[in-house]
């Protein structure tokens, strides 16, 4: 089982760098659907991801259609959008025998409306007030992936850390 974070045409390099770090920390695959507004080797992306880029499983797709063709079971594809009736915490993300895909839209416009309208059963929202248009993309990715991991009992993740000096005893 693998969790996949999918970014549809990301526009802000620092968000993508932060999400890459989250992907490395959670052993998730990071998919980027092009085009992007920046180069992945952009200084801001690299800086936000710090020195974790070698730990990121990164997959590029030329288009939404190309990405969709790679998803083996689209019933485990979730579209994160404010235009949804169900919240991300209401979805059952606990099945560790399948891959789960969490798709996030571009920072300025989100996911394509026709795509969301064609797939309303896949849409999940993060509850918030109407005081803001949207939450930061990096925060959204972290919220959703950690909810999925919580439901999956944090499979494969370190749940307790031992201080280095304690290992020497």
N, C-alpha and C. Protein backbone atom coordinates (compact mmCIF):
# COMPACT_ATOMS: atom_id res chain seq x y z
N UNK A 1 0.84 -1.18 0.00
CA UNK A 1 0.00 0.00 0.00
C UNK A 1 0.88 1.24 0.00
N UNK A 2 0.47 2.19 -0.79
CA UNK A 2 1.18 3.46 -0.85
C UNK A 2 0.16 4.59 -0.89
N UNK A 3 0.49 5.68 -0.21
CA UNK A 3 -0.28 6.91 -0.34
C UNK A 3 0.41 7.78 -1.37
N UNK A 4 -0.41 8.45 -2.18
CA UNK A 4 0.09 9.30 -3.25
C UNK A 4 -0.47 10.70 -3.08
N UNK A 5 0.40 11.69 -3.09
CA UNK A 5 -0.01 13.10 -3.08
C UNK A 5 0.14 13.58 -4.52
N UNK A 6 -0.95 14.11 -5.07
CA UNK A 6 -0.98 14.50 -6.47
C UNK A 6 -1.21 16.01 -6.56
N UNK A 7 -0.30 16.72 -7.20
CA UNK A 7 -0.44 18.16 -7.38
C UNK A 7 -0.76 18.46 -8.83
N UNK A 8 -1.90 19.08 -9.05
CA UNK A 8 -2.32 19.47 -10.39
C UNK A 8 -1.78 20.86 -10.70
N UNK A 9 -0.84 20.93 -11.60
CA UNK A 9 -0.26 22.18 -12.09
C UNK A 9 0.08 23.18 -10.98
N UNK A 10 0.94 22.78 -10.04
CA UNK A 10 1.28 23.69 -8.93
C UNK A 10 1.95 24.97 -9.45
N UNK A 11 1.72 26.05 -8.70
CA UNK A 11 2.19 27.37 -9.15
C UNK A 11 3.23 28.01 -8.23
N UNK A 12 3.27 27.59 -6.98
CA UNK A 12 4.15 28.24 -6.01
C UNK A 12 5.25 27.25 -5.59
N UNK A 13 6.49 27.54 -5.94
CA UNK A 13 7.56 26.58 -5.68
C UNK A 13 7.73 26.21 -4.21
N UNK A 14 7.56 27.17 -3.31
CA UNK A 14 7.74 26.87 -1.89
C UNK A 14 6.70 25.85 -1.41
N UNK A 15 5.47 25.93 -1.90
CA UNK A 15 4.46 24.94 -1.52
C UNK A 15 4.87 23.55 -1.98
N UNK A 16 5.32 23.46 -3.22
CA UNK A 16 5.74 22.16 -3.75
C UNK A 16 6.93 21.62 -2.96
N UNK A 17 7.86 22.47 -2.60
CA UNK A 17 8.99 22.03 -1.78
C UNK A 17 8.55 21.52 -0.42
N UNK A 18 7.63 22.23 0.22
CA UNK A 18 7.12 21.78 1.52
C UNK A 18 6.37 20.46 1.40
N UNK A 19 5.58 20.33 0.34
CA UNK A 19 4.84 19.09 0.13
C UNK A 19 5.80 17.94 -0.16
N UNK A 20 6.87 18.22 -0.87
CA UNK A 20 7.89 17.19 -1.12
C UNK A 20 8.48 16.70 0.20
N UNK A 21 8.73 17.61 1.12
CA UNK A 21 9.26 17.21 2.43
C UNK A 21 8.23 16.34 3.18
N UNK A 22 6.95 16.72 3.09
CA UNK A 22 5.89 15.91 3.71
C UNK A 22 5.84 14.54 3.05
N UNK A 23 5.98 14.47 1.74
CA UNK A 23 5.98 13.19 1.05
C UNK A 23 7.14 12.32 1.53
N UNK A 24 8.31 12.92 1.68
CA UNK A 24 9.47 12.16 2.18
C UNK A 24 9.23 11.68 3.60
N UNK A 25 8.65 12.51 4.44
CA UNK A 25 8.42 12.17 5.84
C UNK A 25 7.36 11.08 6.01
N UNK A 26 6.46 10.97 5.04
CA UNK A 26 5.36 10.02 5.16
C UNK A 26 5.51 8.84 4.21
N UNK A 27 6.63 8.77 3.51
CA UNK A 27 6.89 7.72 2.53
C UNK A 27 5.79 7.67 1.47
N UNK A 28 5.29 8.84 1.10
CA UNK A 28 4.27 8.95 0.06
C UNK A 28 4.93 9.27 -1.27
N UNK A 29 4.28 8.90 -2.34
CA UNK A 29 4.74 9.25 -3.68
C UNK A 29 4.17 10.62 -4.02
N UNK A 30 5.00 11.50 -4.58
CA UNK A 30 4.56 12.82 -5.01
C UNK A 30 4.44 12.83 -6.52
N UNK A 31 3.22 13.09 -7.00
CA UNK A 31 2.95 13.20 -8.43
C UNK A 31 2.76 14.67 -8.77
N UNK A 32 3.35 15.10 -9.86
CA UNK A 32 3.17 16.46 -10.34
C UNK A 32 2.61 16.40 -11.76
N UNK A 33 1.41 16.98 -11.91
CA UNK A 33 0.79 17.05 -13.22
C UNK A 33 1.18 18.39 -13.83
N UNK A 34 1.84 18.33 -14.96
CA UNK A 34 2.36 19.54 -15.60
C UNK A 34 1.30 20.19 -16.46
N UNK A 35 1.49 21.46 -16.83
CA UNK A 35 2.68 22.25 -16.60
C UNK A 35 2.69 22.87 -15.20
N UNK A 36 3.88 23.20 -14.75
CA UNK A 36 4.05 23.95 -13.51
C UNK A 36 4.48 25.37 -13.87
N UNK A 37 4.44 26.26 -12.91
CA UNK A 37 4.87 27.65 -13.14
C UNK A 37 6.35 27.84 -12.82
N UNK A 38 7.07 26.74 -12.57
CA UNK A 38 8.46 26.82 -12.14
C UNK A 38 9.15 25.51 -12.51
N UNK A 39 10.46 25.53 -12.41
CA UNK A 39 11.25 24.32 -12.63
C UNK A 39 11.45 23.65 -11.27
N UNK A 40 11.41 22.33 -11.25
CA UNK A 40 11.63 21.62 -9.99
C UNK A 40 13.03 21.89 -9.45
N UNK A 41 13.97 22.21 -10.30
CA UNK A 41 15.30 22.55 -9.79
C UNK A 41 15.38 24.01 -9.33
N UNK A 42 14.26 24.72 -9.39
CA UNK A 42 14.19 26.11 -8.92
C UNK A 42 14.71 26.19 -7.48
N UNK A 43 15.48 27.22 -7.22
CA UNK A 43 16.09 27.41 -5.89
C UNK A 43 15.05 27.38 -4.77
N UNK A 44 13.91 28.02 -4.97
CA UNK A 44 12.89 28.07 -3.92
C UNK A 44 12.29 26.71 -3.61
N UNK A 45 12.11 25.87 -4.64
CA UNK A 45 11.59 24.53 -4.42
C UNK A 45 12.61 23.71 -3.65
N UNK A 46 13.83 23.75 -4.09
CA UNK A 46 14.89 22.97 -3.43
C UNK A 46 15.07 23.43 -1.98
N UNK A 47 15.02 24.73 -1.77
CA UNK A 47 15.21 25.27 -0.42
C UNK A 47 14.09 24.82 0.51
N UNK A 48 12.85 24.88 0.04
CA UNK A 48 11.71 24.48 0.87
C UNK A 48 11.75 22.99 1.19
N UNK A 49 12.25 22.18 0.26
CA UNK A 49 12.36 20.74 0.50
C UNK A 49 13.61 20.36 1.26
N UNK A 50 14.47 21.34 1.48
CA UNK A 50 15.74 21.16 2.17
C UNK A 50 16.55 20.05 1.54
N UNK A 51 17.10 19.20 2.34
CA UNK A 51 17.97 18.15 1.81
C UNK A 51 17.26 16.81 1.72
N UNK A 52 15.96 16.83 1.51
CA UNK A 52 15.18 15.60 1.47
C UNK A 52 14.84 15.16 0.07
N UNK A 53 15.24 15.89 -0.94
CA UNK A 53 14.82 15.57 -2.30
C UNK A 53 15.24 14.17 -2.73
N UNK A 54 16.36 13.68 -2.23
CA UNK A 54 16.77 12.33 -2.61
C UNK A 54 15.88 11.26 -1.98
N UNK A 55 15.04 11.65 -1.03
CA UNK A 55 14.11 10.71 -0.36
C UNK A 55 12.70 10.78 -0.96
N UNK A 56 12.49 11.71 -1.89
CA UNK A 56 11.15 11.91 -2.47
C UNK A 56 10.99 11.00 -3.69
N UNK A 57 9.91 10.24 -3.68
CA UNK A 57 9.53 9.44 -4.85
C UNK A 57 8.68 10.36 -5.72
N UNK A 58 9.28 10.86 -6.79
CA UNK A 58 8.67 11.91 -7.60
C UNK A 58 8.31 11.38 -8.98
N UNK A 59 7.04 11.60 -9.39
CA UNK A 59 6.57 11.16 -10.70
C UNK A 59 5.93 12.35 -11.40
N UNK A 60 6.32 12.58 -12.65
CA UNK A 60 5.76 13.66 -13.44
C UNK A 60 4.78 13.09 -14.46
N UNK A 61 3.72 13.86 -14.72
CA UNK A 61 2.72 13.48 -15.73
C UNK A 61 2.52 14.68 -16.64
N UNK A 62 2.42 14.43 -17.93
CA UNK A 62 2.26 15.51 -18.91
C UNK A 62 0.89 16.17 -18.86
N UNK A 63 -0.11 15.44 -18.37
CA UNK A 63 -1.47 15.98 -18.35
C UNK A 63 -2.31 15.23 -17.33
N UNK A 64 -3.48 15.76 -17.05
CA UNK A 64 -4.43 15.09 -16.16
C UNK A 64 -4.82 13.74 -16.74
N UNK A 65 -5.03 13.67 -18.02
CA UNK A 65 -5.39 12.40 -18.67
C UNK A 65 -4.28 11.37 -18.50
N UNK A 66 -3.03 11.81 -18.68
CA UNK A 66 -1.90 10.89 -18.51
C UNK A 66 -1.85 10.36 -17.07
N UNK A 67 -2.07 11.26 -16.10
CA UNK A 67 -2.08 10.81 -14.71
C UNK A 67 -3.19 9.80 -14.47
N UNK A 68 -4.41 10.13 -14.92
CA UNK A 68 -5.56 9.26 -14.67
C UNK A 68 -5.33 7.86 -15.22
N UNK A 69 -4.61 7.75 -16.31
CA UNK A 69 -4.33 6.45 -16.92
C UNK A 69 -3.42 5.59 -16.04
N UNK A 70 -2.75 6.20 -15.06
CA UNK A 70 -1.83 5.45 -14.20
C UNK A 70 -2.48 4.98 -12.90
N UNK A 71 -3.69 5.43 -12.60
CA UNK A 71 -4.37 5.08 -11.35
C UNK A 71 -5.08 3.74 -11.54
N UNK A 72 -4.63 2.69 -10.86
CA UNK A 72 -5.19 1.36 -11.11
C UNK A 72 -6.65 1.20 -10.67
N UNK A 73 -7.03 1.85 -9.58
CA UNK A 73 -8.41 1.75 -9.08
C UNK A 73 -8.85 3.15 -8.69
N UNK A 74 -9.63 3.78 -9.56
CA UNK A 74 -10.00 5.16 -9.33
C UNK A 74 -11.00 5.36 -8.21
N UNK A 75 -11.48 4.28 -7.62
CA UNK A 75 -12.34 4.43 -6.44
C UNK A 75 -11.51 4.87 -5.22
N UNK A 76 -10.19 4.82 -5.34
CA UNK A 76 -9.31 5.28 -4.26
C UNK A 76 -8.60 6.58 -4.64
N UNK A 77 -9.22 7.33 -5.53
CA UNK A 77 -8.75 8.66 -5.90
C UNK A 77 -9.67 9.66 -5.22
N UNK A 78 -9.07 10.62 -4.52
CA UNK A 78 -9.82 11.63 -3.77
C UNK A 78 -9.42 13.01 -4.28
N UNK A 79 -10.41 13.82 -4.61
CA UNK A 79 -10.18 15.18 -5.09
C UNK A 79 -10.44 16.13 -3.94
N UNK A 80 -9.43 16.85 -3.52
CA UNK A 80 -9.56 17.74 -2.38
C UNK A 80 -9.96 19.13 -2.90
N UNK A 81 -11.16 19.55 -2.50
CA UNK A 81 -11.73 20.78 -3.02
C UNK A 81 -12.74 21.34 -2.03
N UNK A 82 -12.94 22.65 -2.08
CA UNK A 82 -13.98 23.22 -1.22
C UNK A 82 -15.37 22.98 -1.79
N UNK A 83 -15.45 22.47 -3.01
CA UNK A 83 -16.74 22.18 -3.65
C UNK A 83 -17.11 20.71 -3.44
N UNK A 84 -17.22 20.32 -2.19
CA UNK A 84 -17.55 18.93 -1.87
C UNK A 84 -18.53 18.90 -0.71
N UNK A 85 -19.30 17.85 -0.64
CA UNK A 85 -20.26 17.69 0.45
C UNK A 85 -19.66 16.90 1.62
N UNK A 86 -18.69 16.02 1.33
CA UNK A 86 -18.07 15.20 2.38
C UNK A 86 -16.75 15.81 2.82
N UNK A 87 -16.43 15.67 4.11
CA UNK A 87 -15.14 16.13 4.59
C UNK A 87 -14.11 15.01 4.47
N UNK A 88 -12.86 15.39 4.44
CA UNK A 88 -11.78 14.42 4.31
C UNK A 88 -11.77 13.42 5.47
N UNK A 89 -12.20 13.83 6.64
CA UNK A 89 -12.20 12.93 7.79
C UNK A 89 -13.38 11.97 7.77
N UNK A 90 -14.39 12.23 6.92
CA UNK A 90 -15.51 11.31 6.77
C UNK A 90 -15.20 10.14 5.85
N UNK A 91 -14.21 10.30 5.01
CA UNK A 91 -13.86 9.25 4.05
C UNK A 91 -13.13 8.12 4.77
N UNK A 92 -13.38 6.90 4.34
CA UNK A 92 -12.68 5.75 4.88
C UNK A 92 -11.40 5.56 4.08
N UNK A 93 -10.29 5.94 4.68
CA UNK A 93 -8.98 5.89 4.04
C UNK A 93 -8.11 4.80 4.66
N UNK A 94 -8.72 3.89 5.38
CA UNK A 94 -7.97 2.95 6.22
C UNK A 94 -7.46 1.70 5.51
N UNK A 95 -7.93 1.40 4.34
CA UNK A 95 -7.56 0.16 3.66
C UNK A 95 -6.08 0.18 3.29
N UNK A 96 -5.30 -0.66 3.92
CA UNK A 96 -3.86 -0.71 3.65
C UNK A 96 -3.50 -1.75 2.59
N UNK A 97 -4.50 -2.29 1.91
CA UNK A 97 -4.21 -3.25 0.84
C UNK A 97 -4.25 -2.60 -0.54
N UNK A 98 -4.55 -1.30 -0.58
CA UNK A 98 -4.66 -0.59 -1.86
C UNK A 98 -3.88 0.72 -1.80
N UNK A 99 -3.59 1.27 -2.97
CA UNK A 99 -2.98 2.60 -3.05
C UNK A 99 -4.07 3.65 -3.00
N UNK A 100 -3.80 4.75 -2.29
CA UNK A 100 -4.72 5.87 -2.18
C UNK A 100 -4.07 7.08 -2.85
N UNK A 101 -4.87 7.85 -3.60
CA UNK A 101 -4.39 9.03 -4.32
C UNK A 101 -5.18 10.25 -3.86
N UNK A 102 -4.47 11.29 -3.41
CA UNK A 102 -5.09 12.53 -2.92
C UNK A 102 -4.65 13.65 -3.85
N UNK A 103 -5.60 14.18 -4.64
CA UNK A 103 -5.27 15.19 -5.64
C UNK A 103 -5.66 16.58 -5.17
N UNK A 104 -4.72 17.50 -5.33
CA UNK A 104 -4.89 18.90 -4.94
C UNK A 104 -4.73 19.78 -6.17
N UNK A 105 -5.54 20.81 -6.26
CA UNK A 105 -5.51 21.70 -7.41
C UNK A 105 -4.47 22.80 -7.29
N UNK A 106 -4.36 23.57 -8.36
CA UNK A 106 -3.40 24.68 -8.35
C UNK A 106 -3.86 25.74 -7.35
N UNK A 107 -2.89 26.47 -6.85
CA UNK A 107 -3.14 27.42 -5.76
C UNK A 107 -4.18 28.49 -6.11
N UNK A 108 -4.23 28.95 -7.35
CA UNK A 108 -5.13 30.05 -7.69
C UNK A 108 -6.53 29.62 -8.08
N UNK A 109 -6.67 28.46 -8.71
CA UNK A 109 -7.98 28.08 -9.23
C UNK A 109 -8.44 26.68 -8.84
N UNK A 110 -7.61 25.92 -8.14
CA UNK A 110 -8.01 24.57 -7.73
C UNK A 110 -7.98 23.59 -8.88
N UNK A 111 -8.79 22.55 -8.75
CA UNK A 111 -8.91 21.53 -9.79
C UNK A 111 -9.88 22.01 -10.87
N UNK A 112 -9.76 21.49 -12.09
CA UNK A 112 -10.69 21.89 -13.15
C UNK A 112 -12.14 21.56 -12.78
N UNK A 113 -13.01 22.54 -12.92
CA UNK A 113 -14.41 22.35 -12.54
C UNK A 113 -15.08 21.20 -13.30
N UNK A 114 -14.89 21.07 -14.61
CA UNK A 114 -15.53 19.95 -15.31
C UNK A 114 -15.10 18.59 -14.76
N UNK A 115 -13.84 18.48 -14.38
CA UNK A 115 -13.31 17.23 -13.81
C UNK A 115 -13.99 16.94 -12.47
N UNK A 116 -14.12 17.95 -11.62
CA UNK A 116 -14.78 17.74 -10.32
C UNK A 116 -16.25 17.42 -10.51
N UNK A 117 -16.92 18.12 -11.41
CA UNK A 117 -18.35 17.86 -11.64
C UNK A 117 -18.58 16.45 -12.18
N UNK A 118 -17.63 15.93 -12.94
CA UNK A 118 -17.75 14.57 -13.47
C UNK A 118 -17.45 13.51 -12.43
N UNK A 119 -16.85 13.92 -11.29
CA UNK A 119 -16.43 12.97 -10.26
C UNK A 119 -16.84 13.43 -8.85
N UNK A 120 -18.10 13.79 -8.62
CA UNK A 120 -18.48 14.33 -7.31
C UNK A 120 -18.28 13.34 -6.16
N UNK A 121 -18.38 12.05 -6.45
CA UNK A 121 -18.21 11.04 -5.39
C UNK A 121 -16.77 10.95 -4.89
N UNK A 122 -15.83 11.53 -5.64
CA UNK A 122 -14.41 11.52 -5.24
C UNK A 122 -14.02 12.78 -4.48
N UNK A 123 -14.90 13.76 -4.43
CA UNK A 123 -14.57 15.06 -3.85
C UNK A 123 -14.68 15.08 -2.33
N UNK A 124 -13.65 15.62 -1.69
CA UNK A 124 -13.60 15.78 -0.24
C UNK A 124 -13.19 17.21 0.08
N UNK A 125 -13.71 17.73 1.17
CA UNK A 125 -13.38 19.11 1.56
C UNK A 125 -12.73 19.14 2.93
N UNK A 126 -12.00 20.21 3.17
CA UNK A 126 -11.46 20.52 4.49
C UNK A 126 -12.35 21.63 5.05
N UNK A 127 -13.06 21.38 6.14
CA UNK A 127 -13.97 22.40 6.67
C UNK A 127 -13.22 23.67 7.09
N UNK A 128 -13.83 24.81 6.79
CA UNK A 128 -13.30 26.10 7.20
C UNK A 128 -14.42 27.13 7.10
N UNK A 129 -14.20 28.28 7.67
CA UNK A 129 -15.19 29.35 7.58
C UNK A 129 -15.15 29.96 6.18
N UNK A 130 -16.06 30.86 5.92
CA UNK A 130 -16.04 31.55 4.64
C UNK A 130 -15.22 32.85 4.71
N UNK A 131 -14.42 32.98 5.78
CA UNK A 131 -13.56 34.16 5.94
C UNK A 131 -12.39 34.18 4.97
N UNK A 132 -12.03 32.99 4.45
CA UNK A 132 -10.91 32.90 3.52
C UNK A 132 -11.35 32.12 2.28
N UNK A 133 -10.67 32.38 1.18
CA UNK A 133 -10.97 31.69 -0.08
C UNK A 133 -10.48 30.24 -0.05
N UNK A 134 -9.29 30.05 0.54
CA UNK A 134 -8.71 28.71 0.57
C UNK A 134 -7.59 28.67 1.60
N UNK A 135 -7.25 27.47 2.03
CA UNK A 135 -6.10 27.25 2.89
C UNK A 135 -4.85 27.09 2.03
N UNK A 136 -3.69 27.22 2.62
CA UNK A 136 -2.43 27.01 1.93
C UNK A 136 -2.34 25.56 1.44
N UNK A 137 -1.88 25.39 0.22
CA UNK A 137 -1.80 24.07 -0.40
C UNK A 137 -0.96 23.09 0.41
N UNK A 138 0.17 23.54 0.89
CA UNK A 138 1.04 22.68 1.68
C UNK A 138 0.35 22.22 2.96
N UNK A 139 -0.36 23.13 3.62
CA UNK A 139 -1.11 22.75 4.83
C UNK A 139 -2.18 21.74 4.50
N UNK A 140 -2.88 21.93 3.39
CA UNK A 140 -3.94 21.00 3.00
C UNK A 140 -3.39 19.59 2.76
N UNK A 141 -2.28 19.52 2.05
CA UNK A 141 -1.68 18.22 1.77
C UNK A 141 -1.28 17.52 3.07
N UNK A 142 -0.71 18.26 4.00
CA UNK A 142 -0.30 17.68 5.28
C UNK A 142 -1.51 17.20 6.08
N UNK A 143 -2.57 18.01 6.12
CA UNK A 143 -3.78 17.62 6.85
C UNK A 143 -4.34 16.30 6.32
N UNK A 144 -4.48 16.22 5.03
CA UNK A 144 -5.12 15.05 4.43
C UNK A 144 -4.24 13.81 4.55
N UNK A 145 -2.95 13.94 4.25
CA UNK A 145 -2.10 12.74 4.30
C UNK A 145 -1.98 12.22 5.73
N UNK A 146 -1.94 13.09 6.71
CA UNK A 146 -1.84 12.61 8.09
C UNK A 146 -3.16 12.04 8.60
N UNK A 147 -4.29 12.51 8.09
CA UNK A 147 -5.57 11.86 8.43
C UNK A 147 -5.59 10.46 7.85
N UNK A 148 -5.15 10.32 6.60
CA UNK A 148 -5.09 8.98 6.00
C UNK A 148 -4.17 8.08 6.80
N UNK A 149 -3.00 8.58 7.16
CA UNK A 149 -2.06 7.77 7.94
C UNK A 149 -2.60 7.43 9.33
N UNK A 150 -3.33 8.36 9.93
CA UNK A 150 -3.95 8.06 11.23
C UNK A 150 -4.92 6.89 11.08
N UNK A 151 -5.74 6.95 10.04
CA UNK A 151 -6.69 5.86 9.81
C UNK A 151 -5.98 4.56 9.48
N UNK A 152 -4.79 4.65 8.93
CA UNK A 152 -3.99 3.47 8.57
C UNK A 152 -3.04 3.06 9.70
N UNK A 153 -3.30 3.61 10.89
CA UNK A 153 -2.48 3.34 12.08
C UNK A 153 -1.00 3.69 11.84
N UNK A 154 -0.76 4.73 11.05
CA UNK A 154 0.59 5.22 10.75
C UNK A 154 1.50 4.10 10.26
N UNK A 155 0.95 3.24 9.40
CA UNK A 155 1.69 2.09 8.87
C UNK A 155 3.02 2.52 8.27
N UNK A 156 4.08 1.88 8.71
CA UNK A 156 5.41 2.13 8.17
C UNK A 156 6.11 3.37 8.71
N UNK A 157 5.46 4.10 9.62
CA UNK A 157 6.08 5.31 10.15
C UNK A 157 6.59 5.09 11.56
N UNK A 158 7.63 5.82 11.91
CA UNK A 158 8.19 5.78 13.25
C UNK A 158 7.20 6.48 14.20
N UNK A 159 6.74 5.74 15.19
CA UNK A 159 5.78 6.32 16.15
C UNK A 159 6.46 6.72 17.45
N UNK A 160 7.68 6.32 17.61
CA UNK A 160 8.44 6.68 18.80
C UNK A 160 9.88 6.88 18.37
N UNK A 161 10.49 7.91 18.89
CA UNK A 161 11.88 8.20 18.53
C UNK A 161 12.75 8.04 19.77
N UNK A 162 13.88 7.42 19.58
CA UNK A 162 14.84 7.24 20.67
C UNK A 162 15.93 8.28 20.50
N UNK A 163 16.23 8.98 21.57
CA UNK A 163 17.32 9.94 21.52
C UNK A 163 18.62 9.21 21.18
N UNK A 164 19.46 9.78 20.33
CA UNK A 164 20.68 9.11 19.91
C UNK A 164 21.56 8.66 21.08
N UNK A 165 21.67 9.47 22.12
CA UNK A 165 22.54 9.07 23.24
C UNK A 165 21.95 7.89 24.02
N UNK A 166 20.64 7.67 23.95
CA UNK A 166 20.03 6.52 24.63
C UNK A 166 20.37 5.21 23.93
N UNK A 167 20.68 5.26 22.64
CA UNK A 167 21.04 4.06 21.89
C UNK A 167 22.40 3.53 22.34
N UNK A 168 23.23 4.38 22.90
CA UNK A 168 24.58 3.99 23.30
C UNK A 168 24.60 3.23 24.61
N UNK A 169 23.52 3.27 25.37
CA UNK A 169 23.49 2.61 26.68
C UNK A 169 23.38 1.12 26.57
